[in-house]
Amino acid sequence: MKVTQNIEAQFHTLYVGYNRLEFTDQNGNEIKIMVSEDNILDIAKKFEYNKRTILEDRAEEAKETEAAE
């Protein structure tokens, strides 16, 4: 039987090492995830895609706001 655990935390800090990710919430609770170099590269690609999408959406919202003024 596989046991899973869902964890919810409010992001406060992030540390990226060569073999782990560490998240800390505002209360000082830590989440440590062991990762490989390939995992880090995959995560970086996903963050880059999300970053690009967010910035494009914000640029579009700024244009709409300027046009409305």
C-alpha atoms as a PDB file:
ATOM      1  CA  MET A   1       0.000   0.000   0.000  1.00  0.00           C
ATOM      2  CA  LYS A   2       1.296   3.448  -0.952  1.00  0.00           C
ATOM      3  CA  VAL A   3       0.890   6.176   1.638  1.00  0.00           C
ATOM      4  CA  THR A   4       0.558   9.734   0.382  1.00  0.00           C
ATOM      5  CA  GLN A   5       0.561  12.969   2.308  1.00  0.00           C
ATOM      6  CA  ASN A   6      -0.731  16.339   1.169  1.00  0.00           C
ATOM      7  CA  ILE A   7       0.945  19.360   2.692  1.00  0.00           C
ATOM      8  CA  GLU A   8      -0.247  22.939   2.426  1.00  0.00           C
ATOM      9  CA  ALA A   9       2.063  25.760   3.393  1.00  0.00           C
ATOM     10  CA  GLN A  10       2.290  29.491   2.783  1.00  0.00           C
ATOM     11  CA  PHE A  11       5.508  30.090   0.848  1.00  0.00           C
ATOM     12  CA  HIS A  12       8.084  32.229   2.636  1.00  0.00           C
ATOM     13  CA  THR A  13      11.562  31.128   1.507  1.00  0.00           C
ATOM     14  CA  LEU A  14      13.084  28.659  -0.932  1.00  0.00           C
ATOM     15  CA  TYR A  15      16.529  27.077  -1.031  1.00  0.00           C
ATOM     16  CA  VAL A  16      17.696  25.148  -4.079  1.00  0.00           C
ATOM     17  CA  GLY A  17      20.690  22.881  -3.528  1.00  0.00           C
ATOM     18  CA  TYR A  18      22.288  20.345  -5.834  1.00  0.00           C
ATOM     19  CA  ASN A  19      20.214  17.512  -4.436  1.00  0.00           C
ATOM     20  CA  ARG A  20      17.281  19.106  -2.631  1.00  0.00           C
ATOM     21  CA  LEU A  21      14.654  21.818  -2.515  1.00  0.00           C
ATOM     22  CA  GLU A  22      13.753  23.332   0.835  1.00  0.00           C
ATOM     23  CA  PHE A  23      10.646  25.410   1.373  1.00  0.00           C
ATOM     24  CA  THR A  24       9.982  27.268   4.610  1.00  0.00           C
ATOM     25  CA  ASP A  25       6.620  28.725   5.554  1.00  0.00           C
ATOM     26  CA  GLN A  26       5.982  31.851   7.603  1.00  0.00           C
ATOM     27  CA  ASN A  27       5.862  29.790  10.818  1.00  0.00           C
ATOM     28  CA  GLY A  28       9.289  28.246  10.208  1.00  0.00           C
ATOM     29  CA  ASN A  29       7.969  24.837   9.113  1.00  0.00           C
ATOM     30  CA  GLU A  30      10.238  23.219   6.515  1.00  0.00           C
ATOM     31  CA  ILE A  31       9.525  20.954   3.572  1.00  0.00           C
ATOM     32  CA  LYS A  32      12.567  19.199   2.115  1.00  0.00           C
ATOM     33  CA  ILE A  33      12.369  17.405  -1.233  1.00  0.00           C
ATOM     34  CA  MET A  34      15.227  15.316  -2.582  1.00  0.00           C
ATOM     35  CA  VAL A  35      15.797  15.981  -6.307  1.00  0.00           C
ATOM     36  CA  SER A  36      18.249  15.049  -9.026  1.00  0.00           C
ATOM     37  CA  GLU A  37      19.953  17.454 -11.409  1.00  0.00           C
ATOM     38  CA  ASP A  38      17.477  16.374 -14.101  1.00  0.00           C
ATOM     39  CA  ASN A  39      14.592  17.172 -11.737  1.00  0.00           C
ATOM     40  CA  ILE A  40      16.008  20.664 -11.201  1.00  0.00           C
ATOM     41  CA  LEU A  41      16.309  21.220 -14.966  1.00  0.00           C
ATOM     42  CA  ASP A  42      12.702  20.091 -15.461  1.00  0.00           C
ATOM     43  CA  ILE A  43      11.474  22.360 -12.661  1.00  0.00           C
ATOM     44  CA  ALA A  44      13.412  25.293 -14.168  1.00  0.00           C
ATOM     45  CA  LYS A  45      11.702  24.757 -17.541  1.00  0.00           C
ATOM     46  CA  LYS A  46       8.286  24.755 -15.893  1.00  0.00           C
ATOM     47  CA  PHE A  47       9.032  27.900 -13.888  1.00  0.00           C
ATOM     48  CA  GLU A  48      10.336  29.655 -17.018  1.00  0.00           C
ATOM     49  CA  TYR A  49       7.124  28.794 -18.881  1.00  0.00           C
ATOM     50  CA  ASN A  50       4.977  30.017 -15.968  1.00  0.00           C
ATOM     51  CA  LYS A  51       7.080  33.183 -15.646  1.00  0.00           C
ATOM     52  CA  ARG A  52       6.645  33.978 -19.332  1.00  0.00           C
ATOM     53  CA  THR A  53       2.885  33.393 -19.183  1.00  0.00           C
ATOM     54  CA  ILE A  54       2.446  35.534 -16.056  1.00  0.00           C
ATOM     55  CA  LEU A  55       4.478  38.410 -17.535  1.00  0.00           C
ATOM     56  CA  GLU A  56       2.512  38.262 -20.800  1.00  0.00           C
ATOM     57  CA  ASP A  57      -0.785  38.335 -18.884  1.00  0.00           C
ATOM     58  CA  ARG A  58       0.382  41.288 -16.780  1.00  0.00           C
ATOM     59  CA  ALA A  59       1.552  43.192 -19.864  1.00  0.00           C
ATOM     60  CA  GLU A  60      -1.857  42.644 -21.455  1.00  0.00           C
ATOM     61  CA  GLU A  61      -3.622  43.824 -18.283  1.00  0.00           C
ATOM     62  CA  ALA A  62      -1.412  46.940 -18.189  1.00  0.00           C
ATOM     63  CA  LYS A  63      -2.316  47.745 -21.822  1.00  0.00           C
ATOM     64  CA  GLU A  64      -6.014  47.331 -21.036  1.00  0.00           C
ATOM     65  CA  THR A  65      -5.678  49.581 -17.980  1.00  0.00           C
ATOM     66  CA  GLU A  66      -3.858  52.271 -19.988  1.00  0.00           C
ATOM     67  CA  ALA A  67      -6.489  52.098 -22.728  1.00  0.00           C
ATOM     68  CA  ALA A  68      -9.285  52.507 -20.168  1.00  0.00           C
ATOM     69  CA  GLU A  69      -7.715  55.650 -18.655  1.00  0.00           C
END
